[in-house]
Amino acid sequence: DKVVGASLLTFSTVVFVYYTLWAIVMPFVDESYFLHDYFPRREYAIRIPCVLLVFGLTVILTFLSMVMIKSKKK
């Protein structure tokens, strides 16, 4: 359990730092700087989280509706 928790914590920290650099820091860095090669275009900094949010909410709400439908049948 500790290994799984540590790996999830490490992964989430890396994702957080990467996204923070991409969305907050990189717009203030010159376009010709070499770090821009490691990040996608800025428009994806908004599109990717929106798509993930819509997908996650769809899964959660589908699960809740299935549970409510099953409990109503009983």
C-alpha atoms as a PDB file:
ATOM      1  CA  ASP A   1       0.000   0.000   0.000  1.00  0.00           C
ATOM      2  CA  LYS A   2       2.834   2.384   0.795  1.00  0.00           C
ATOM      3  CA  VAL A   3       4.475   1.820  -2.579  1.00  0.00           C
ATOM      4  CA  VAL A   4       1.223   2.458  -4.442  1.00  0.00           C
ATOM      5  CA  GLY A   5       0.543   5.576  -2.374  1.00  0.00           C
ATOM      6  CA  ALA A   6       4.058   6.900  -2.876  1.00  0.00           C
ATOM      7  CA  SER A   7       3.926   6.295  -6.613  1.00  0.00           C
ATOM      8  CA  LEU A   8       0.526   7.996  -6.919  1.00  0.00           C
ATOM      9  CA  LEU A   9       1.785  10.938  -4.885  1.00  0.00           C
ATOM     10  CA  THR A  10       4.899  11.204  -7.057  1.00  0.00           C
ATOM     11  CA  PHE A  11       2.874  10.977 -10.266  1.00  0.00           C
ATOM     12  CA  SER A  12       0.384  13.621  -9.150  1.00  0.00           C
ATOM     13  CA  THR A  13       3.194  15.938  -8.056  1.00  0.00           C
ATOM     14  CA  VAL A  14       4.949  15.599 -11.416  1.00  0.00           C
ATOM     15  CA  VAL A  15       1.695  16.265 -13.294  1.00  0.00           C
ATOM     16  CA  PHE A  16       0.952  19.288 -11.093  1.00  0.00           C
ATOM     17  CA  VAL A  17       4.416  20.800 -11.576  1.00  0.00           C
ATOM     18  CA  TYR A  18       4.354  20.150 -15.345  1.00  0.00           C
ATOM     19  CA  TYR A  19       0.894  21.697 -15.777  1.00  0.00           C
ATOM     20  CA  THR A  20       1.761  24.674 -13.570  1.00  0.00           C
ATOM     21  CA  LEU A  21       4.875  25.389 -15.619  1.00  0.00           C
ATOM     22  CA  TRP A  22       2.944  24.944 -18.860  1.00  0.00           C
ATOM     23  CA  ALA A  23      -0.101  27.045 -18.002  1.00  0.00           C
ATOM     24  CA  ILE A  24       1.300  29.722 -15.697  1.00  0.00           C
ATOM     25  CA  VAL A  25       5.032  30.138 -16.273  1.00  0.00           C
ATOM     26  CA  MET A  26       5.550  29.431 -19.980  1.00  0.00           C
ATOM     27  CA  PRO A  27       3.342  32.264 -21.309  1.00  0.00           C
ATOM     28  CA  PHE A  28       5.873  34.690 -19.801  1.00  0.00           C
ATOM     29  CA  VAL A  29       8.898  32.967 -21.346  1.00  0.00           C
ATOM     30  CA  ASP A  30      10.175  33.985 -24.783  1.00  0.00           C
ATOM     31  CA  GLU A  31       8.839  31.787 -27.622  1.00  0.00           C
ATOM     32  CA  SER A  32      12.334  30.991 -28.890  1.00  0.00           C
ATOM     33  CA  TYR A  33      13.476  29.550 -25.551  1.00  0.00           C
ATOM     34  CA  PHE A  34      14.301  25.820 -25.652  1.00  0.00           C
ATOM     35  CA  LEU A  35      11.793  24.896 -22.917  1.00  0.00           C
ATOM     36  CA  HIS A  36       8.889  25.524 -25.292  1.00  0.00           C
ATOM     37  CA  ASP A  37       9.885  22.328 -27.116  1.00  0.00           C
ATOM     38  CA  TYR A  38       8.778  20.271 -24.089  1.00  0.00           C
ATOM     39  CA  PHE A  39       5.232  21.643 -23.924  1.00  0.00           C
ATOM     40  CA  PRO A  40       2.274  21.471 -26.319  1.00  0.00           C
ATOM     41  CA  ARG A  41       0.601  24.611 -27.612  1.00  0.00           C
ATOM     42  CA  ARG A  42      -1.057  26.789 -24.975  1.00  0.00           C
ATOM     43  CA  GLU A  43      -4.590  26.168 -26.214  1.00  0.00           C
ATOM     44  CA  TYR A  44      -4.324  22.571 -25.016  1.00  0.00           C
ATOM     45  CA  ALA A  45      -3.699  23.814 -21.465  1.00  0.00           C
ATOM     46  CA  ILE A  46      -7.425  24.588 -21.391  1.00  0.00           C
ATOM     47  CA  ARG A  47      -8.795  21.941 -23.759  1.00  0.00           C
ATOM     48  CA  ILE A  48      -7.263  18.886 -22.078  1.00  0.00           C
ATOM     49  CA  PRO A  49      -8.583  19.639 -18.553  1.00  0.00           C
ATOM     50  CA  CYS A  50     -12.024  20.490 -19.977  1.00  0.00           C
ATOM     51  CA  VAL A  51     -12.215  17.202 -21.875  1.00  0.00           C
ATOM     52  CA  LEU A  52     -11.056  15.275 -18.801  1.00  0.00           C
ATOM     53  CA  LEU A  53     -13.630  17.078 -16.657  1.00  0.00           C
ATOM     54  CA  VAL A  54     -16.480  16.311 -19.058  1.00  0.00           C
ATOM     55  CA  PHE A  55     -15.388  12.665 -19.338  1.00  0.00           C
ATOM     56  CA  GLY A  56     -15.058  12.282 -15.564  1.00  0.00           C
ATOM     57  CA  LEU A  57     -18.430  13.879 -14.865  1.00  0.00           C
ATOM     58  CA  THR A  58     -20.039  11.682 -17.518  1.00  0.00           C
ATOM     59  CA  VAL A  59     -18.644   8.537 -15.903  1.00  0.00           C
ATOM     60  CA  ILE A  60     -19.658   9.615 -12.401  1.00  0.00           C
ATOM     61  CA  LEU A  61     -23.170  10.684 -13.390  1.00  0.00           C
ATOM     62  CA  THR A  62     -23.690   7.520 -15.446  1.00  0.00           C
ATOM     63  CA  PHE A  63     -22.659   5.423 -12.465  1.00  0.00           C
ATOM     64  CA  LEU A  64     -24.989   7.343 -10.146  1.00  0.00           C
ATOM     65  CA  SER A  65     -27.913   7.028 -12.551  1.00  0.00           C
ATOM     66  CA  MET A  66     -27.337   3.283 -12.915  1.00  0.00           C
ATOM     67  CA  VAL A  67     -27.310   2.882  -9.124  1.00  0.00           C
ATOM     68  CA  MET A  68     -30.474   4.946  -8.773  1.00  0.00           C
ATOM     69  CA  ILE A  69     -32.245   2.944 -11.494  1.00  0.00           C
ATOM     70  CA  LYS A  70     -31.244  -0.365  -9.888  1.00  0.00           C
ATOM     71  CA  SER A  71     -32.358   0.785  -6.420  1.00  0.00           C
ATOM     72  CA  LYS A  72     -35.724   1.939  -7.774  1.00  0.00           C
ATOM     73  CA  LYS A  73     -36.390  -1.476  -9.348  1.00  0.00           C
ATOM     74  CA  LYS A  74     -35.997  -3.208  -5.972  1.00  0.00           C
END
